[in-house]
């Protein structure tokens, strides 16, 4: 198992909270951040699967197969 520094675990926790649908305002407050823009820019990152899910959701809106 790879070693994950404590700060890396923090990034992972905040990103997983965002993926689970926790509002960014809650995530930011939980992390002790003053501004949600900081939380988004530093801790929440879109992965390839997130982009695919976004594309699928947009396709569902327009009923594209």
Protein backbone atom coordinates (compact mmCIF):
# COMPACT_ATOMS: atom_id res chain seq x y z
CA UNK A 1 0.00 0.00 0.00
CA UNK A 2 1.43 3.41 -0.92
CA UNK A 3 2.28 5.86 1.79
CA UNK A 4 0.00 8.90 1.84
CA UNK A 5 1.14 11.95 3.79
CA UNK A 6 -1.40 13.48 6.16
CA UNK A 7 -1.90 16.44 3.83
CA UNK A 8 -2.62 14.01 0.97
CA UNK A 9 -5.28 12.36 3.11
CA UNK A 10 -6.85 15.80 3.62
CA UNK A 11 -7.01 16.33 -0.15
CA UNK A 12 -8.56 12.89 -0.56
CA UNK A 13 -11.15 13.46 2.19
CA UNK A 14 -12.28 16.79 0.76
CA UNK A 15 -12.43 15.44 -2.79
CA UNK A 16 -14.45 12.41 -1.66
CA UNK A 17 -16.86 14.64 0.23
CA UNK A 18 -17.40 16.66 -2.96
CA UNK A 19 -17.93 13.49 -5.01
CA UNK A 20 -20.48 12.32 -2.43
CA UNK A 21 -22.52 15.45 -3.03
CA UNK A 22 -21.65 17.37 0.13
CA UNK A 23 -22.19 21.08 -0.60
CA UNK A 24 -18.95 22.99 -1.13
CA UNK A 25 -19.92 25.44 1.61
CA UNK A 26 -19.94 22.58 4.13
CA UNK A 27 -16.69 21.09 2.83
CA UNK A 28 -14.98 24.46 3.01
CA UNK A 29 -16.19 25.13 6.55
CA UNK A 30 -15.21 21.61 7.65
CA UNK A 31 -11.70 22.24 6.31
CA UNK A 32 -11.49 25.59 8.08
CA UNK A 33 -11.31 27.62 4.89
CA UNK A 34 -12.55 31.20 4.76
CA UNK A 35 -13.43 31.16 1.05
CA UNK A 36 -15.02 28.31 -0.95
CA UNK A 37 -13.05 29.41 -4.02
CA UNK A 38 -9.88 28.36 -2.23
CA UNK A 39 -11.39 24.95 -1.47
CA UNK A 40 -12.33 24.46 -5.11
CA UNK A 41 -9.02 25.64 -6.51
CA UNK A 42 -6.75 23.69 -4.15
CA UNK A 43 -8.64 20.63 -2.91
CA UNK A 44 -11.38 19.60 -5.33
CA UNK A 45 -10.17 18.16 -8.63
CA UNK A 46 -12.13 16.68 -11.53
CA UNK A 47 -10.97 13.25 -12.62
CA UNK A 48 -11.53 11.62 -16.00
CA UNK A 49 -14.53 9.64 -14.69
CA UNK A 50 -16.05 12.90 -13.38
CA UNK A 51 -15.82 14.38 -16.86
CA UNK A 52 -17.46 11.28 -18.35
CA UNK A 53 -20.29 11.49 -15.80
CA UNK A 54 -20.80 15.15 -16.63
CA UNK A 55 -20.98 14.34 -20.32
CA UNK A 56 -23.50 11.55 -19.67
CA UNK A 57 -25.64 13.87 -17.53
CA UNK A 58 -25.66 16.51 -20.26
CA UNK A 59 -26.53 13.85 -22.83
CA UNK A 60 -29.46 12.71 -20.66
CA UNK A 61 -30.81 16.28 -20.59
CA UNK A 62 -30.81 16.38 -24.37
CA UNK A 63 -31.67 12.67 -24.72
CA UNK A 64 -28.59 11.91 -26.78
CA UNK A 65 -27.54 8.27 -27.07
